[in-house]
Amino acid sequence: MTTAAIYAAAGILLVGIGLYRLVTTGDLLRRVVALNVASGGTGAVLVAAAWRAPPGPTDPVPHALVITGIVVVVSTTAVALALIRRLHDEEEPK
């Protein structure tokens, strides 16, 4: 097994774990964490897809997509956590 295949398999496993947890849990915070795990797995699969044999150059497009995806995940997580906090504050009696 090559290194790229190991990264791809680990990425697919992370995506599966994240999606499974997303479907099976009801807690909003755990759902956000599950989405983050799934997005990390997607990034690993994309990086593994960009790998080429040593004489050949790597494909820069998947790397750019992964970097853009990291920025999107961080901002989406911040918004989701703010919404979860607001929902939690509204549920508490004042």
C-alpha atoms as a PDB file:
ATOM      1  CA  MET A   1       0.000   0.000   0.000  1.00  0.00           C
ATOM      2  CA  THR A   2       1.301   3.410  -0.910  1.00  0.00           C
ATOM      3  CA  THR A   3       1.294   6.414   1.368  1.00  0.00           C
ATOM      4  CA  ALA A   4      -1.390   8.077  -0.744  1.00  0.00           C
ATOM      5  CA  ALA A   5      -3.633   5.032  -0.407  1.00  0.00           C
ATOM      6  CA  ILE A   6      -3.207   5.053   3.369  1.00  0.00           C
ATOM      7  CA  TYR A   7      -4.129   8.749   3.538  1.00  0.00           C
ATOM      8  CA  ALA A   8      -7.105   8.167   1.264  1.00  0.00           C
ATOM      9  CA  ALA A   9      -8.322   5.225   3.358  1.00  0.00           C
ATOM     10  CA  ALA A  10      -7.908   7.213   6.575  1.00  0.00           C
ATOM     11  CA  GLY A  11      -9.772  10.129   5.009  1.00  0.00           C
ATOM     12  CA  ILE A  12     -12.637   7.918   3.904  1.00  0.00           C
ATOM     13  CA  LEU A  13     -12.773   6.428   7.394  1.00  0.00           C
ATOM     14  CA  LEU A  14     -12.924   9.915   8.951  1.00  0.00           C
ATOM     15  CA  VAL A  15     -15.703  10.959   6.586  1.00  0.00           C
ATOM     16  CA  GLY A  16     -17.651   7.821   7.493  1.00  0.00           C
ATOM     17  CA  ILE A  17     -17.191   8.339  11.224  1.00  0.00           C
ATOM     18  CA  GLY A  18     -18.207  11.998  10.971  1.00  0.00           C
ATOM     19  CA  LEU A  19     -21.315  11.295   8.918  1.00  0.00           C
ATOM     20  CA  TYR A  20     -22.338   8.406  11.169  1.00  0.00           C
ATOM     21  CA  ARG A  21     -22.034  10.579  14.263  1.00  0.00           C
ATOM     22  CA  LEU A  22     -23.880  13.417  12.528  1.00  0.00           C
ATOM     23  CA  VAL A  23     -26.857  11.163  11.856  1.00  0.00           C
ATOM     24  CA  THR A  24     -26.911   9.352  15.208  1.00  0.00           C
ATOM     25  CA  THR A  25     -26.542  12.211  17.686  1.00  0.00           C
ATOM     26  CA  GLY A  26     -29.061  14.806  18.721  1.00  0.00           C
ATOM     27  CA  ASP A  27     -26.701  17.195  20.503  1.00  0.00           C
ATOM     28  CA  LEU A  28     -25.951  20.243  18.348  1.00  0.00           C
ATOM     29  CA  LEU A  29     -22.387  20.683  19.586  1.00  0.00           C
ATOM     30  CA  ARG A  30     -21.542  17.074  18.761  1.00  0.00           C
ATOM     31  CA  ARG A  31     -23.023  17.547  15.306  1.00  0.00           C
ATOM     32  CA  VAL A  32     -20.697  20.485  14.674  1.00  0.00           C
ATOM     33  CA  VAL A  33     -17.730  18.386  15.799  1.00  0.00           C
ATOM     34  CA  ALA A  34     -18.887  15.534  13.555  1.00  0.00           C
ATOM     35  CA  LEU A  35     -19.009  17.882  10.565  1.00  0.00           C
ATOM     36  CA  ASN A  36     -15.489  19.054  11.373  1.00  0.00           C
ATOM     37  CA  VAL A  37     -14.258  15.457  11.468  1.00  0.00           C
ATOM     38  CA  ALA A  38     -15.925  14.726   8.129  1.00  0.00           C
ATOM     39  CA  SER A  39     -14.388  17.833   6.562  1.00  0.00           C
ATOM     40  CA  GLY A  40     -10.948  16.803   7.818  1.00  0.00           C
ATOM     41  CA  GLY A  41     -11.421  13.448   6.146  1.00  0.00           C
ATOM     42  CA  THR A  42     -12.440  15.134   2.923  1.00  0.00           C
ATOM     43  CA  GLY A  43      -9.270  17.207   3.039  1.00  0.00           C
ATOM     44  CA  ALA A  44      -7.171  14.091   3.561  1.00  0.00           C
ATOM     45  CA  VAL A  45      -8.775  12.425   0.542  1.00  0.00           C
ATOM     46  CA  LEU A  46      -8.116  15.492  -1.612  1.00  0.00           C
ATOM     47  CA  VAL A  47      -4.468  15.681  -0.523  1.00  0.00           C
ATOM     48  CA  ALA A  48      -4.061  11.976  -1.249  1.00  0.00           C
ATOM     49  CA  ALA A  49      -5.578  12.504  -4.693  1.00  0.00           C
ATOM     50  CA  ALA A  50      -3.032  15.247  -5.436  1.00  0.00           C
ATOM     51  CA  TRP A  51      -0.042  12.991  -4.777  1.00  0.00           C
ATOM     52  CA  ARG A  52       1.942  11.810  -7.794  1.00  0.00           C
ATOM     53  CA  ALA A  53       4.946   9.545  -8.195  1.00  0.00           C
ATOM     54  CA  PRO A  54       8.231  11.211  -7.139  1.00  0.00           C
ATOM     55  CA  PRO A  55       9.398  12.247 -10.613  1.00  0.00           C
ATOM     56  CA  GLY A  56       6.076  13.962 -11.336  1.00  0.00           C
ATOM     57  CA  PRO A  57       4.849  17.229  -9.831  1.00  0.00           C
ATOM     58  CA  THR A  58       1.879  17.280  -7.487  1.00  0.00           C
ATOM     59  CA  ASP A  59      -1.409  18.795  -8.593  1.00  0.00           C
ATOM     60  CA  PRO A  60      -1.796  22.188  -6.838  1.00  0.00           C
ATOM     61  CA  VAL A  61      -5.555  22.484  -7.350  1.00  0.00           C
ATOM     62  CA  PRO A  62      -6.586  19.979  -4.640  1.00  0.00           C
ATOM     63  CA  HIS A  63      -4.167  21.644  -2.222  1.00  0.00           C
ATOM     64  CA  ALA A  64      -5.774  25.016  -2.935  1.00  0.00           C
ATOM     65  CA  LEU A  65      -9.210  23.464  -2.393  1.00  0.00           C
ATOM     66  CA  VAL A  66      -8.105  22.044   0.960  1.00  0.00           C
ATOM     67  CA  ILE A  67      -6.761  25.418   2.115  1.00  0.00           C
ATOM     68  CA  THR A  68      -9.989  27.121   1.031  1.00  0.00           C
ATOM     69  CA  GLY A  69     -11.980  24.379   2.754  1.00  0.00           C
ATOM     70  CA  ILE A  70     -10.124  24.970   6.015  1.00  0.00           C
ATOM     71  CA  VAL A  71     -11.059  28.655   5.924  1.00  0.00           C
ATOM     72  CA  VAL A  72     -14.690  27.819   5.170  1.00  0.00           C
ATOM     73  CA  VAL A  73     -14.855  25.204   7.946  1.00  0.00           C
ATOM     74  CA  VAL A  74     -13.403  27.588  10.534  1.00  0.00           C
ATOM     75  CA  SER A  75     -15.866  30.345   9.676  1.00  0.00           C
ATOM     76  CA  THR A  76     -18.814  27.947   9.464  1.00  0.00           C
ATOM     77  CA  THR A  77     -17.894  26.433  12.820  1.00  0.00           C
ATOM     78  CA  ALA A  78     -17.748  29.883  14.412  1.00  0.00           C
ATOM     79  CA  VAL A  79     -21.207  30.771  13.109  1.00  0.00           C
ATOM     80  CA  ALA A  80     -22.641  27.398  14.132  1.00  0.00           C
ATOM     81  CA  LEU A  81     -21.227  27.699  17.657  1.00  0.00           C
ATOM     82  CA  ALA A  82     -22.639  31.212  17.995  1.00  0.00           C
ATOM     83  CA  LEU A  83     -26.064  29.958  16.914  1.00  0.00           C
ATOM     84  CA  ILE A  84     -25.874  27.018  19.326  1.00  0.00           C
ATOM     85  CA  ARG A  85     -24.992  29.370  22.164  1.00  0.00           C
ATOM     86  CA  ARG A  86     -27.901  31.661  21.302  1.00  0.00           C
ATOM     87  CA  LEU A  87     -30.301  28.691  21.217  1.00  0.00           C
ATOM     88  CA  HIS A  88     -28.938  27.498  24.545  1.00  0.00           C
ATOM     89  CA  ASP A  89     -29.392  30.943  26.122  1.00  0.00           C
ATOM     90  CA  GLU A  90     -33.003  31.138  24.900  1.00  0.00           C
ATOM     91  CA  GLU A  91     -33.841  27.733  26.404  1.00  0.00           C
ATOM     92  CA  GLU A  92     -32.715  28.730  29.911  1.00  0.00           C
ATOM     93  CA  PRO A  93     -35.352  30.401  32.108  1.00  0.00           C
ATOM     94  CA  LYS A  94     -34.477  33.967  33.076  1.00  0.00           C
END
